[in-house]
Amino acid sequence: MQLNVQGKQLDVGDALRSHVKDKMEGINSKYFGRAIDADITMTPEGHSSFKTHISMRVGKNIQVIGSATEHDVYASFDHAAERVAKQLRRYKTRLRDHHEREDHSPQKEIQKARDLVIAVNQNDDDVHHEESPAIIAEGTKDIQVLSVSDAVMRLDLSAENFYLFKNAKTQALNVVYRREDGNIGWVDAS
């Protein structure tokens, strides 16, 4: 596993870098064993606290994210690493099964959402152009064929607000999202 440990406005010394390496390799070997890479960023927050953000890629299109803010940089990293480990522990079996299915599955139905700009129609007199901003989609996202439970797992692992996927049963685009009350919502477009 490739590790990238960096500090923003913080000097990451050899002792901290060694602590991070040992802990992340332990998590990788205990829960997954074939993580691709991990990015760990540590930054000071305010006068006496530190924020650690961990982004660990454990497979193609599967990223586990954990963050924590504590008064000690070691405690901040340990707490963020615990969150990553907890997510991996929760979904360990399903993640391993996913790789088995992906390795043996000839089905590679992935749609690409390419860079796209939807511009305001300049000829439309009814639209106030200064009130209508351009809609810009930057970057590329793979839309994968998943079951709803797998999509919820990926939403939970990614710590994003929503996850777009193609439903394995209906072949329609679906969205799972985090509701304000903490529950998960599901939009079925079929």
N, C-alpha and C. Protein backbone atom coordinates (compact mmCIF):
# COMPACT_ATOMS: atom_id res chain seq x y z
N MET A 1 0.85 -1.17 0.00
CA MET A 1 0.00 0.00 0.00
C MET A 1 0.89 1.23 0.00
N GLN A 2 0.55 2.17 -0.85
CA GLN A 2 1.30 3.41 -0.95
C GLN A 2 0.71 4.42 0.03
N LEU A 3 1.56 4.99 0.88
CA LEU A 3 1.13 5.98 1.86
C LEU A 3 1.64 7.36 1.48
N ASN A 4 0.78 8.35 1.61
CA ASN A 4 1.16 9.73 1.40
C ASN A 4 0.78 10.49 2.67
N VAL A 5 1.77 10.81 3.50
CA VAL A 5 1.54 11.52 4.76
C VAL A 5 2.04 12.94 4.59
N GLN A 6 1.15 13.90 4.79
CA GLN A 6 1.57 15.29 4.64
C GLN A 6 0.92 16.15 5.71
N GLY A 7 1.61 17.21 6.03
CA GLY A 7 1.10 18.19 6.98
C GLY A 7 0.96 19.52 6.30
N LYS A 8 -0.17 20.16 6.53
CA LYS A 8 -0.38 21.51 6.01
C LYS A 8 -0.15 22.46 7.16
N GLN A 9 0.84 23.30 7.03
CA GLN A 9 1.27 24.22 8.08
C GLN A 9 1.66 23.45 9.35
N LEU A 10 2.21 22.25 9.12
CA LEU A 10 2.61 21.37 10.22
C LEU A 10 3.76 20.50 9.73
N ASP A 11 4.81 20.41 10.52
CA ASP A 11 5.94 19.57 10.19
C ASP A 11 5.66 18.16 10.71
N VAL A 12 5.56 17.21 9.79
CA VAL A 12 5.34 15.81 10.16
C VAL A 12 6.71 15.18 10.33
N GLY A 13 7.07 14.91 11.55
CA GLY A 13 8.39 14.35 11.82
C GLY A 13 8.45 12.86 11.56
N ASP A 14 9.65 12.30 11.73
CA ASP A 14 9.86 10.88 11.48
C ASP A 14 9.06 9.99 12.44
N ALA A 15 8.96 10.40 13.70
CA ALA A 15 8.23 9.60 14.69
C ALA A 15 6.74 9.51 14.33
N LEU A 16 6.13 10.64 13.98
CA LEU A 16 4.72 10.65 13.60
C LEU A 16 4.51 9.88 12.30
N ARG A 17 5.39 10.07 11.34
CA ARG A 17 5.29 9.36 10.06
C ARG A 17 5.38 7.85 10.28
N SER A 18 6.27 7.42 11.17
CA SER A 18 6.42 6.00 11.48
C SER A 18 5.16 5.46 12.18
N HIS A 19 4.60 6.25 13.10
CA HIS A 19 3.37 5.87 13.79
C HIS A 19 2.22 5.70 12.79
N VAL A 20 2.10 6.63 11.86
CA VAL A 20 1.05 6.57 10.84
C VAL A 20 1.24 5.34 9.96
N LYS A 21 2.47 5.10 9.53
CA LYS A 21 2.75 3.95 8.66
C LYS A 21 2.40 2.64 9.35
N ASP A 22 2.82 2.48 10.60
CA ASP A 22 2.53 1.24 11.33
C ASP A 22 1.03 1.03 11.51
N LYS A 23 0.33 2.08 11.89
CA LYS A 23 -1.11 1.98 12.14
C LYS A 23 -1.88 1.66 10.85
N MET A 24 -1.55 2.35 9.76
CA MET A 24 -2.26 2.13 8.50
C MET A 24 -1.97 0.76 7.90
N GLU A 25 -0.74 0.31 8.01
CA GLU A 25 -0.42 -1.04 7.53
C GLU A 25 -1.11 -2.10 8.38
N GLY A 26 -1.24 -1.84 9.69
CA GLY A 26 -1.98 -2.75 10.56
C GLY A 26 -3.45 -2.83 10.19
N ILE A 27 -4.05 -1.69 9.93
CA ILE A 27 -5.46 -1.66 9.52
C ILE A 27 -5.64 -2.39 8.19
N ASN A 28 -4.75 -2.13 7.25
CA ASN A 28 -4.83 -2.77 5.94
C ASN A 28 -4.72 -4.29 6.06
N SER A 29 -3.75 -4.76 6.80
CA SER A 29 -3.56 -6.21 6.90
C SER A 29 -4.67 -6.88 7.70
N LYS A 30 -5.22 -6.19 8.69
CA LYS A 30 -6.26 -6.79 9.53
C LYS A 30 -7.59 -6.88 8.82
N TYR A 31 -7.98 -5.84 8.13
CA TYR A 31 -9.33 -5.79 7.59
C TYR A 31 -9.43 -6.06 6.10
N PHE A 32 -8.40 -5.77 5.36
CA PHE A 32 -8.57 -5.85 3.92
C PHE A 32 -7.44 -6.56 3.22
N GLY A 33 -6.22 -6.12 3.46
CA GLY A 33 -5.07 -6.81 2.92
C GLY A 33 -4.64 -6.40 1.53
N ARG A 34 -5.48 -5.66 0.80
CA ARG A 34 -5.05 -5.25 -0.53
C ARG A 34 -5.49 -3.83 -0.87
N ALA A 35 -5.34 -2.95 0.09
CA ALA A 35 -5.62 -1.55 -0.18
C ALA A 35 -4.60 -1.01 -1.17
N ILE A 36 -5.02 -0.07 -1.98
CA ILE A 36 -4.15 0.47 -3.02
C ILE A 36 -3.28 1.59 -2.47
N ASP A 37 -3.93 2.59 -1.88
CA ASP A 37 -3.16 3.70 -1.32
C ASP A 37 -3.97 4.41 -0.25
N ALA A 38 -3.27 5.27 0.48
CA ALA A 38 -3.91 6.07 1.53
C ALA A 38 -3.24 7.43 1.57
N ASP A 39 -4.07 8.47 1.65
CA ASP A 39 -3.59 9.83 1.80
C ASP A 39 -3.99 10.31 3.19
N ILE A 40 -3.01 10.75 3.96
CA ILE A 40 -3.25 11.25 5.31
C ILE A 40 -2.78 12.70 5.35
N THR A 41 -3.70 13.61 5.70
CA THR A 41 -3.38 15.02 5.77
C THR A 41 -3.68 15.52 7.18
N MET A 42 -2.71 16.19 7.78
CA MET A 42 -2.84 16.73 9.13
C MET A 42 -2.68 18.23 9.08
N THR A 43 -3.62 18.95 9.71
CA THR A 43 -3.57 20.41 9.72
C THR A 43 -3.92 20.93 11.10
N PRO A 44 -3.30 22.03 11.50
CA PRO A 44 -3.71 22.66 12.77
C PRO A 44 -5.07 23.33 12.61
N GLU A 45 -5.91 23.21 13.62
CA GLU A 45 -7.24 23.83 13.63
C GLU A 45 -7.31 24.73 14.85
N GLY A 46 -7.37 26.00 14.64
CA GLY A 46 -7.45 26.93 15.77
C GLY A 46 -6.13 27.00 16.52
N HIS A 47 -6.22 27.27 17.81
CA HIS A 47 -5.02 27.46 18.62
C HIS A 47 -4.42 26.16 19.14
N SER A 48 -5.27 25.21 19.49
CA SER A 48 -4.70 24.05 20.19
C SER A 48 -5.30 22.72 19.74
N SER A 49 -5.73 22.62 18.49
CA SER A 49 -6.24 21.34 18.03
C SER A 49 -5.71 21.03 16.63
N PHE A 50 -5.82 19.76 16.26
CA PHE A 50 -5.32 19.28 14.98
C PHE A 50 -6.39 18.45 14.30
N LYS A 51 -6.50 18.61 13.00
CA LYS A 51 -7.46 17.84 12.21
C LYS A 51 -6.70 16.88 11.32
N THR A 52 -7.13 15.63 11.31
CA THR A 52 -6.56 14.60 10.45
C THR A 52 -7.63 14.10 9.51
N HIS A 53 -7.29 14.02 8.25
CA HIS A 53 -8.19 13.50 7.22
C HIS A 53 -7.50 12.32 6.56
N ILE A 54 -8.17 11.16 6.55
CA ILE A 54 -7.64 9.94 5.93
C ILE A 54 -8.54 9.56 4.78
N SER A 55 -7.94 9.34 3.63
CA SER A 55 -8.66 8.86 2.45
C SER A 55 -7.93 7.61 1.98
N MET A 56 -8.58 6.46 2.13
CA MET A 56 -7.94 5.18 1.82
C MET A 56 -8.69 4.50 0.67
N ARG A 57 -7.99 4.26 -0.42
CA ARG A 57 -8.60 3.58 -1.57
C ARG A 57 -8.36 2.09 -1.41
N VAL A 58 -9.45 1.34 -1.23
CA VAL A 58 -9.33 -0.09 -0.97
C VAL A 58 -9.70 -0.95 -2.18
N GLY A 59 -10.06 -0.31 -3.26
CA GLY A 59 -10.40 -1.03 -4.48
C GLY A 59 -10.83 -0.05 -5.54
N LYS A 60 -11.12 -0.58 -6.69
CA LYS A 60 -11.54 0.27 -7.79
C LYS A 60 -12.86 0.93 -7.42
N ASN A 61 -12.86 2.26 -7.41
CA ASN A 61 -14.04 3.06 -7.10
C ASN A 61 -14.56 2.89 -5.68
N ILE A 62 -13.74 2.38 -4.77
CA ILE A 62 -14.15 2.26 -3.36
C ILE A 62 -13.13 3.02 -2.52
N GLN A 63 -13.61 4.07 -1.87
CA GLN A 63 -12.75 4.89 -1.05
C GLN A 63 -13.36 5.01 0.34
N VAL A 64 -12.54 4.81 1.35
CA VAL A 64 -12.97 4.92 2.74
C VAL A 64 -12.37 6.20 3.30
N ILE A 65 -13.21 7.02 3.93
CA ILE A 65 -12.78 8.33 4.41
C ILE A 65 -13.06 8.45 5.89
N GLY A 66 -12.09 8.98 6.63
CA GLY A 66 -12.27 9.24 8.05
C GLY A 66 -11.57 10.53 8.45
N SER A 67 -12.22 11.31 9.31
CA SER A 67 -11.65 12.57 9.78
C SER A 67 -11.87 12.68 11.28
N ALA A 68 -10.98 13.41 11.92
CA ALA A 68 -11.12 13.66 13.36
C ALA A 68 -10.36 14.91 13.73
N THR A 69 -10.85 15.60 14.75
CA THR A 69 -10.18 16.78 15.30
C THR A 69 -9.98 16.56 16.79
N GLU A 70 -8.73 16.65 17.23
CA GLU A 70 -8.38 16.46 18.64
C GLU A 70 -7.33 17.49 19.04
N HIS A 71 -7.02 17.53 20.33
CA HIS A 71 -6.04 18.49 20.84
C HIS A 71 -4.59 18.02 20.64
N ASP A 72 -4.41 16.74 20.37
CA ASP A 72 -3.08 16.19 20.13
C ASP A 72 -3.06 15.60 18.72
N VAL A 73 -1.98 15.80 17.98
CA VAL A 73 -1.90 15.33 16.60
C VAL A 73 -1.95 13.80 16.54
N TYR A 74 -1.34 13.11 17.50
CA TYR A 74 -1.38 11.65 17.54
C TYR A 74 -2.80 11.17 17.82
N ALA A 75 -3.47 11.80 18.77
CA ALA A 75 -4.85 11.42 19.10
C ALA A 75 -5.78 11.70 17.92
N SER A 76 -5.53 12.78 17.21
CA SER A 76 -6.34 13.11 16.04
C SER A 76 -6.19 12.03 14.97
N PHE A 77 -4.96 11.63 14.70
CA PHE A 77 -4.74 10.57 13.71
C PHE A 77 -5.36 9.25 14.18
N ASP A 78 -5.13 8.89 15.45
CA ASP A 78 -5.66 7.62 15.97
C ASP A 78 -7.18 7.58 15.86
N HIS A 79 -7.84 8.68 16.18
CA HIS A 79 -9.30 8.73 16.12
C HIS A 79 -9.79 8.60 14.67
N ALA A 80 -9.14 9.28 13.73
CA ALA A 80 -9.51 9.16 12.31
C ALA A 80 -9.25 7.73 11.81
N ALA A 81 -8.15 7.13 12.22
CA ALA A 81 -7.84 5.76 11.83
C ALA A 81 -8.86 4.78 12.40
N GLU A 82 -9.34 5.04 13.63
CA GLU A 82 -10.39 4.20 14.21
C GLU A 82 -11.65 4.25 13.37
N ARG A 83 -11.99 5.43 12.87
CA ARG A 83 -13.19 5.57 12.03
C ARG A 83 -13.05 4.78 10.73
N VAL A 84 -11.87 4.84 10.12
CA VAL A 84 -11.62 4.07 8.90
C VAL A 84 -11.70 2.58 9.21
N ALA A 85 -11.09 2.15 10.30
CA ALA A 85 -11.11 0.73 10.69
C ALA A 85 -12.53 0.27 10.98
N LYS A 86 -13.32 1.11 11.63
CA LYS A 86 -14.71 0.75 11.94
C LYS A 86 -15.52 0.54 10.67
N GLN A 87 -15.32 1.43 9.68
CA GLN A 87 -16.03 1.27 8.41
C GLN A 87 -15.59 0.00 7.69
N LEU A 88 -14.30 -0.27 7.70
CA LEU A 88 -13.81 -1.50 7.06
C LEU A 88 -14.31 -2.74 7.78
N ARG A 89 -14.36 -2.70 9.10
CA ARG A 89 -14.86 -3.83 9.88
C ARG A 89 -16.33 -4.07 9.57
N ARG A 90 -17.11 -3.00 9.46
CA ARG A 90 -18.54 -3.11 9.21
C ARG A 90 -18.82 -3.75 7.85
N TYR A 91 -18.01 -3.41 6.85
CA TYR A 91 -18.28 -3.87 5.49
C TYR A 91 -17.24 -4.86 4.96
N LYS A 92 -16.48 -5.46 5.86
CA LYS A 92 -15.37 -6.33 5.47
C LYS A 92 -15.82 -7.46 4.53
N THR A 93 -16.84 -8.18 4.89
CA THR A 93 -17.29 -9.31 4.09
C THR A 93 -17.83 -8.86 2.75
N ARG A 94 -18.62 -7.81 2.77
CA ARG A 94 -19.20 -7.35 1.52
C ARG A 94 -18.15 -6.78 0.58
N LEU A 95 -17.13 -6.13 1.12
CA LEU A 95 -16.05 -5.61 0.28
C LEU A 95 -15.25 -6.75 -0.35
N ARG A 96 -15.00 -7.77 0.42
CA ARG A 96 -14.26 -8.92 -0.14
C ARG A 96 -15.10 -9.62 -1.20
N ASP A 97 -16.41 -9.79 -0.94
CA ASP A 97 -17.29 -10.40 -1.94
C ASP A 97 -17.35 -9.55 -3.20
N HIS A 98 -17.31 -8.24 -3.03
CA HIS A 98 -17.35 -7.33 -4.19
C HIS A 98 -16.16 -7.58 -5.10
N HIS A 99 -14.99 -7.75 -4.52
CA HIS A 99 -13.80 -7.99 -5.34
C HIS A 99 -13.89 -9.34 -6.03
N GLU A 100 -14.44 -10.33 -5.36
CA GLU A 100 -14.60 -11.64 -6.00
C GLU A 100 -15.56 -11.52 -7.18
N ARG A 101 -16.69 -10.83 -6.99
CA ARG A 101 -17.66 -10.66 -8.08
C ARG A 101 -17.04 -9.85 -9.21
N GLU A 102 -16.29 -8.80 -8.87
CA GLU A 102 -15.70 -7.94 -9.90
C GLU A 102 -14.65 -8.69 -10.70
N ASP A 103 -13.86 -9.54 -10.04
CA ASP A 103 -12.81 -10.29 -10.72
C ASP A 103 -13.39 -11.33 -11.67
N HIS A 104 -14.52 -11.94 -11.32
CA HIS A 104 -15.08 -13.03 -12.09
C HIS A 104 -16.24 -12.59 -12.98
N SER A 105 -16.64 -11.36 -12.92
CA SER A 105 -17.80 -10.88 -13.67
C SER A 105 -17.38 -10.31 -15.02
N PRO A 106 -17.95 -10.82 -16.11
CA PRO A 106 -17.64 -10.23 -17.42
C PRO A 106 -18.41 -8.93 -17.65
N GLN A 107 -19.39 -8.69 -16.79
CA GLN A 107 -20.24 -7.51 -16.96
C GLN A 107 -19.52 -6.28 -16.45
N LYS A 108 -19.19 -5.37 -17.34
CA LYS A 108 -18.50 -4.13 -16.98
C LYS A 108 -19.31 -2.95 -17.48
N GLU A 109 -20.59 -2.91 -17.07
CA GLU A 109 -21.46 -1.82 -17.52
C GLU A 109 -21.20 -0.58 -16.68
N ILE A 110 -20.44 0.34 -17.26
CA ILE A 110 -20.17 1.59 -16.57
C ILE A 110 -20.43 2.72 -17.55
N GLN A 111 -21.27 3.66 -17.15
CA GLN A 111 -21.51 4.83 -17.98
C GLN A 111 -20.62 5.94 -17.47
N LYS A 112 -20.14 6.76 -18.38
CA LYS A 112 -19.27 7.87 -18.01
C LYS A 112 -20.05 9.17 -18.07
N ALA A 113 -19.92 9.98 -17.03
CA ALA A 113 -20.45 11.34 -17.06
C ALA A 113 -19.26 12.24 -17.31
N ARG A 114 -19.09 12.67 -18.53
CA ARG A 114 -17.92 13.45 -18.95
C ARG A 114 -18.06 14.92 -18.58
N ASP A 115 -16.98 15.67 -18.79
CA ASP A 115 -17.02 17.11 -18.56
C ASP A 115 -18.15 17.70 -19.39
N LEU A 116 -18.97 18.49 -18.75
CA LEU A 116 -20.16 19.00 -19.39
C LEU A 116 -20.48 20.39 -18.88
N VAL A 117 -20.84 21.27 -19.77
CA VAL A 117 -21.31 22.60 -19.39
C VAL A 117 -22.65 22.81 -20.07
N ILE A 118 -23.67 23.07 -19.27
CA ILE A 118 -24.98 23.39 -19.81
C ILE A 118 -25.10 24.90 -19.72
N ALA A 119 -25.00 25.56 -20.86
CA ALA A 119 -24.99 27.02 -20.90
C ALA A 119 -26.41 27.55 -20.93
N VAL A 120 -26.56 28.78 -20.50
CA VAL A 120 -27.84 29.45 -20.55
C VAL A 120 -28.15 29.75 -22.00
N ASN A 121 -29.39 29.52 -22.42
CA ASN A 121 -29.80 29.78 -23.79
C ASN A 121 -29.81 31.28 -24.02
N GLN A 122 -28.94 31.77 -24.90
CA GLN A 122 -28.80 33.20 -25.14
C GLN A 122 -29.99 33.80 -25.89
N ASN A 123 -30.76 32.98 -26.61
CA ASN A 123 -31.87 33.48 -27.41
C ASN A 123 -33.19 33.54 -26.65
N ASP A 124 -33.24 33.03 -25.46
CA ASP A 124 -34.48 32.97 -24.68
C ASP A 124 -34.70 34.30 -23.97
N ASP A 125 -35.72 35.05 -24.41
CA ASP A 125 -35.99 36.36 -23.83
C ASP A 125 -36.66 36.29 -22.47
N ASP A 126 -37.28 35.14 -22.14
CA ASP A 126 -38.01 35.01 -20.88
C ASP A 126 -37.09 34.78 -19.69
N VAL A 127 -35.85 34.41 -19.95
CA VAL A 127 -34.92 34.06 -18.87
C VAL A 127 -34.01 35.25 -18.57
N HIS A 128 -33.89 35.59 -17.31
CA HIS A 128 -32.95 36.63 -16.89
C HIS A 128 -31.58 35.97 -16.75
N HIS A 129 -30.65 36.33 -17.62
CA HIS A 129 -29.37 35.63 -17.68
C HIS A 129 -28.53 35.81 -16.44
N GLU A 130 -28.63 36.95 -15.78
CA GLU A 130 -27.81 37.14 -14.59
C GLU A 130 -28.30 36.30 -13.42
N GLU A 131 -29.55 35.82 -13.47
CA GLU A 131 -30.09 34.97 -12.41
C GLU A 131 -29.88 33.49 -12.69
N SER A 132 -29.47 33.14 -13.90
CA SER A 132 -29.32 31.75 -14.30
C SER A 132 -27.85 31.42 -14.52
N PRO A 133 -27.17 30.87 -13.53
CA PRO A 133 -25.75 30.53 -13.71
C PRO A 133 -25.59 29.30 -14.59
N ALA A 134 -24.42 29.16 -15.18
CA ALA A 134 -24.10 27.98 -15.97
C ALA A 134 -23.96 26.79 -15.03
N ILE A 135 -24.38 25.62 -15.50
CA ILE A 135 -24.26 24.39 -14.72
C ILE A 135 -23.04 23.66 -15.25
N ILE A 136 -22.10 23.38 -14.37
CA ILE A 136 -20.83 22.79 -14.79
C ILE A 136 -20.62 21.46 -14.07
N ALA A 137 -20.36 20.41 -14.83
CA ALA A 137 -20.01 19.11 -14.27
C ALA A 137 -18.53 18.91 -14.56
N GLU A 138 -17.72 18.91 -13.53
CA GLU A 138 -16.28 18.76 -13.73
C GLU A 138 -15.84 17.38 -13.29
N GLY A 139 -14.97 16.80 -14.05
CA GLY A 139 -14.42 15.50 -13.69
C GLY A 139 -15.23 14.36 -14.29
N THR A 140 -14.78 13.17 -14.04
CA THR A 140 -15.41 11.97 -14.56
C THR A 140 -15.84 11.10 -13.40
N LYS A 141 -17.03 10.61 -13.45
CA LYS A 141 -17.54 9.70 -12.43
C LYS A 141 -18.02 8.43 -13.11
N ASP A 142 -17.70 7.30 -12.55
CA ASP A 142 -18.22 6.04 -13.04
C ASP A 142 -19.56 5.78 -12.38
N ILE A 143 -20.54 5.43 -13.18
CA ILE A 143 -21.85 5.07 -12.64
C ILE A 143 -21.90 3.56 -12.71
N GLN A 144 -21.84 2.92 -11.56
CA GLN A 144 -21.72 1.47 -11.51
C GLN A 144 -23.07 0.79 -11.35
N VAL A 145 -23.13 -0.45 -11.78
CA VAL A 145 -24.31 -1.28 -11.59
C VAL A 145 -24.18 -1.93 -10.22
N LEU A 146 -25.10 -1.57 -9.31
CA LEU A 146 -25.04 -2.04 -7.92
C LEU A 146 -26.43 -2.36 -7.41
N SER A 147 -26.49 -3.15 -6.35
CA SER A 147 -27.74 -3.30 -5.62
C SER A 147 -27.89 -2.09 -4.72
N VAL A 148 -29.08 -1.88 -4.20
CA VAL A 148 -29.33 -0.73 -3.34
C VAL A 148 -28.49 -0.83 -2.07
N SER A 149 -28.37 -2.02 -1.50
CA SER A 149 -27.58 -2.17 -0.27
C SER A 149 -26.10 -1.90 -0.51
N ASP A 150 -25.59 -2.29 -1.69
CA ASP A 150 -24.19 -1.98 -2.01
C ASP A 150 -23.99 -0.48 -2.20
N ALA A 151 -24.97 0.19 -2.78
CA ALA A 151 -24.89 1.65 -2.95
C ALA A 151 -24.90 2.35 -1.60
N VAL A 152 -25.72 1.86 -0.66
CA VAL A 152 -25.75 2.44 0.68
C VAL A 152 -24.41 2.23 1.37
N MET A 153 -23.81 1.06 1.18
CA MET A 153 -22.49 0.79 1.75
C MET A 153 -21.46 1.77 1.20
N ARG A 154 -21.48 2.00 -0.12
CA ARG A 154 -20.53 2.93 -0.74
C ARG A 154 -20.77 4.36 -0.27
N LEU A 155 -22.03 4.73 -0.08
CA LEU A 155 -22.35 6.06 0.45
C LEU A 155 -21.77 6.21 1.84
N ASP A 156 -21.93 5.20 2.67
CA ASP A 156 -21.42 5.24 4.04
C ASP A 156 -19.90 5.28 4.07
N LEU A 157 -19.25 4.53 3.20
CA LEU A 157 -17.79 4.51 3.15
C LEU A 157 -17.21 5.82 2.65
N SER A 158 -17.89 6.44 1.71
CA SER A 158 -17.33 7.64 1.09
C SER A 158 -17.56 8.91 1.88
N ALA A 159 -18.50 8.92 2.80
CA ALA A 159 -18.85 10.11 3.58
C ALA A 159 -19.34 11.24 2.69
N GLU A 160 -19.88 10.90 1.52
CA GLU A 160 -20.48 11.89 0.62
C GLU A 160 -21.93 12.10 1.01
N ASN A 161 -22.58 13.09 0.39
CA ASN A 161 -23.98 13.37 0.68
C ASN A 161 -24.93 12.52 -0.16
N PHE A 162 -24.47 12.05 -1.33
CA PHE A 162 -25.31 11.21 -2.18
C PHE A 162 -24.43 10.28 -2.99
N TYR A 163 -25.06 9.24 -3.57
CA TYR A 163 -24.35 8.29 -4.42
C TYR A 163 -25.28 7.91 -5.56
N LEU A 164 -24.83 8.13 -6.80
CA LEU A 164 -25.58 7.81 -7.99
C LEU A 164 -25.12 6.46 -8.51
N PHE A 165 -26.08 5.58 -8.85
CA PHE A 165 -25.73 4.24 -9.33
C PHE A 165 -26.81 3.73 -10.27
N LYS A 166 -26.49 2.70 -11.01
CA LYS A 166 -27.45 2.02 -11.86
C LYS A 166 -27.94 0.79 -11.11
N ASN A 167 -29.24 0.72 -10.88
CA ASN A 167 -29.83 -0.36 -10.08
C ASN A 167 -29.66 -1.69 -10.82
N ALA A 168 -29.12 -2.69 -10.14
CA ALA A 168 -28.87 -3.99 -10.75
C ALA A 168 -30.16 -4.70 -11.14
N LYS A 169 -31.25 -4.47 -10.42
CA LYS A 169 -32.52 -5.14 -10.73
C LYS A 169 -33.26 -4.47 -11.87
N THR A 170 -33.35 -3.14 -11.85
CA THR A 170 -34.18 -2.43 -12.81
C THR A 170 -33.39 -1.80 -13.95
N GLN A 171 -32.09 -1.73 -13.83
CA GLN A 171 -31.20 -1.08 -14.79
C GLN A 171 -31.47 0.41 -14.94
N ALA A 172 -32.18 1.01 -13.99
CA ALA A 172 -32.48 2.45 -14.01
C ALA A 172 -31.50 3.18 -13.10
N LEU A 173 -31.29 4.46 -13.37
CA LEU A 173 -30.45 5.27 -12.49
C LEU A 173 -31.17 5.53 -11.18
N ASN A 174 -30.46 5.34 -10.07
CA ASN A 174 -31.00 5.56 -8.74
C ASN A 174 -30.02 6.41 -7.95
N VAL A 175 -30.51 7.02 -6.88
CA VAL A 175 -29.68 7.82 -5.99
C VAL A 175 -30.01 7.43 -4.56
N VAL A 176 -28.99 7.22 -3.75
CA VAL A 176 -29.16 7.13 -2.30
C VAL A 176 -28.48 8.36 -1.71
N TYR A 177 -29.09 8.91 -0.65
CA TYR A 177 -28.58 10.16 -0.09
C TYR A 177 -28.80 10.20 1.41
N ARG A 178 -28.01 11.06 2.07
CA ARG A 178 -28.16 11.25 3.51
C ARG A 178 -29.23 12.30 3.76
N ARG A 179 -30.20 11.94 4.58
CA ARG A 179 -31.26 12.87 4.94
C ARG A 179 -30.80 13.70 6.14
N GLU A 180 -31.47 14.81 6.37
CA GLU A 180 -31.12 15.68 7.49
C GLU A 180 -31.30 15.00 8.83
N ASP A 181 -32.24 14.03 8.92
CA ASP A 181 -32.46 13.34 10.17
C ASP A 181 -31.48 12.20 10.43
N GLY A 182 -30.50 12.03 9.50
CA GLY A 182 -29.46 11.02 9.68
C GLY A 182 -29.76 9.71 8.98
N ASN A 183 -30.97 9.51 8.49
CA ASN A 183 -31.33 8.29 7.78
C ASN A 183 -30.88 8.39 6.33
N ILE A 184 -31.05 7.28 5.61
CA ILE A 184 -30.67 7.22 4.19
C ILE A 184 -31.95 7.26 3.37
N GLY A 185 -31.97 8.14 2.35
CA GLY A 185 -33.07 8.20 1.41
C GLY A 185 -32.68 7.52 0.11
N TRP A 186 -33.70 7.08 -0.64
CA TRP A 186 -33.44 6.36 -1.90
C TRP A 186 -34.40 6.90 -2.95
N VAL A 187 -33.87 7.33 -4.08
CA VAL A 187 -34.67 7.81 -5.19
C VAL A 187 -34.56 6.78 -6.31
N ASP A 188 -35.69 6.15 -6.65
CA ASP A 188 -35.75 5.16 -7.71
C ASP A 188 -36.38 5.81 -8.92
N ALA A 189 -35.64 5.94 -10.01
CA ALA A 189 -36.11 6.64 -11.20
C ALA A 189 -36.97 5.78 -12.12
N SER A 190 -37.17 4.53 -11.78
CA SER A 190 -37.94 3.66 -12.68
C SER A 190 -39.43 3.85 -12.54
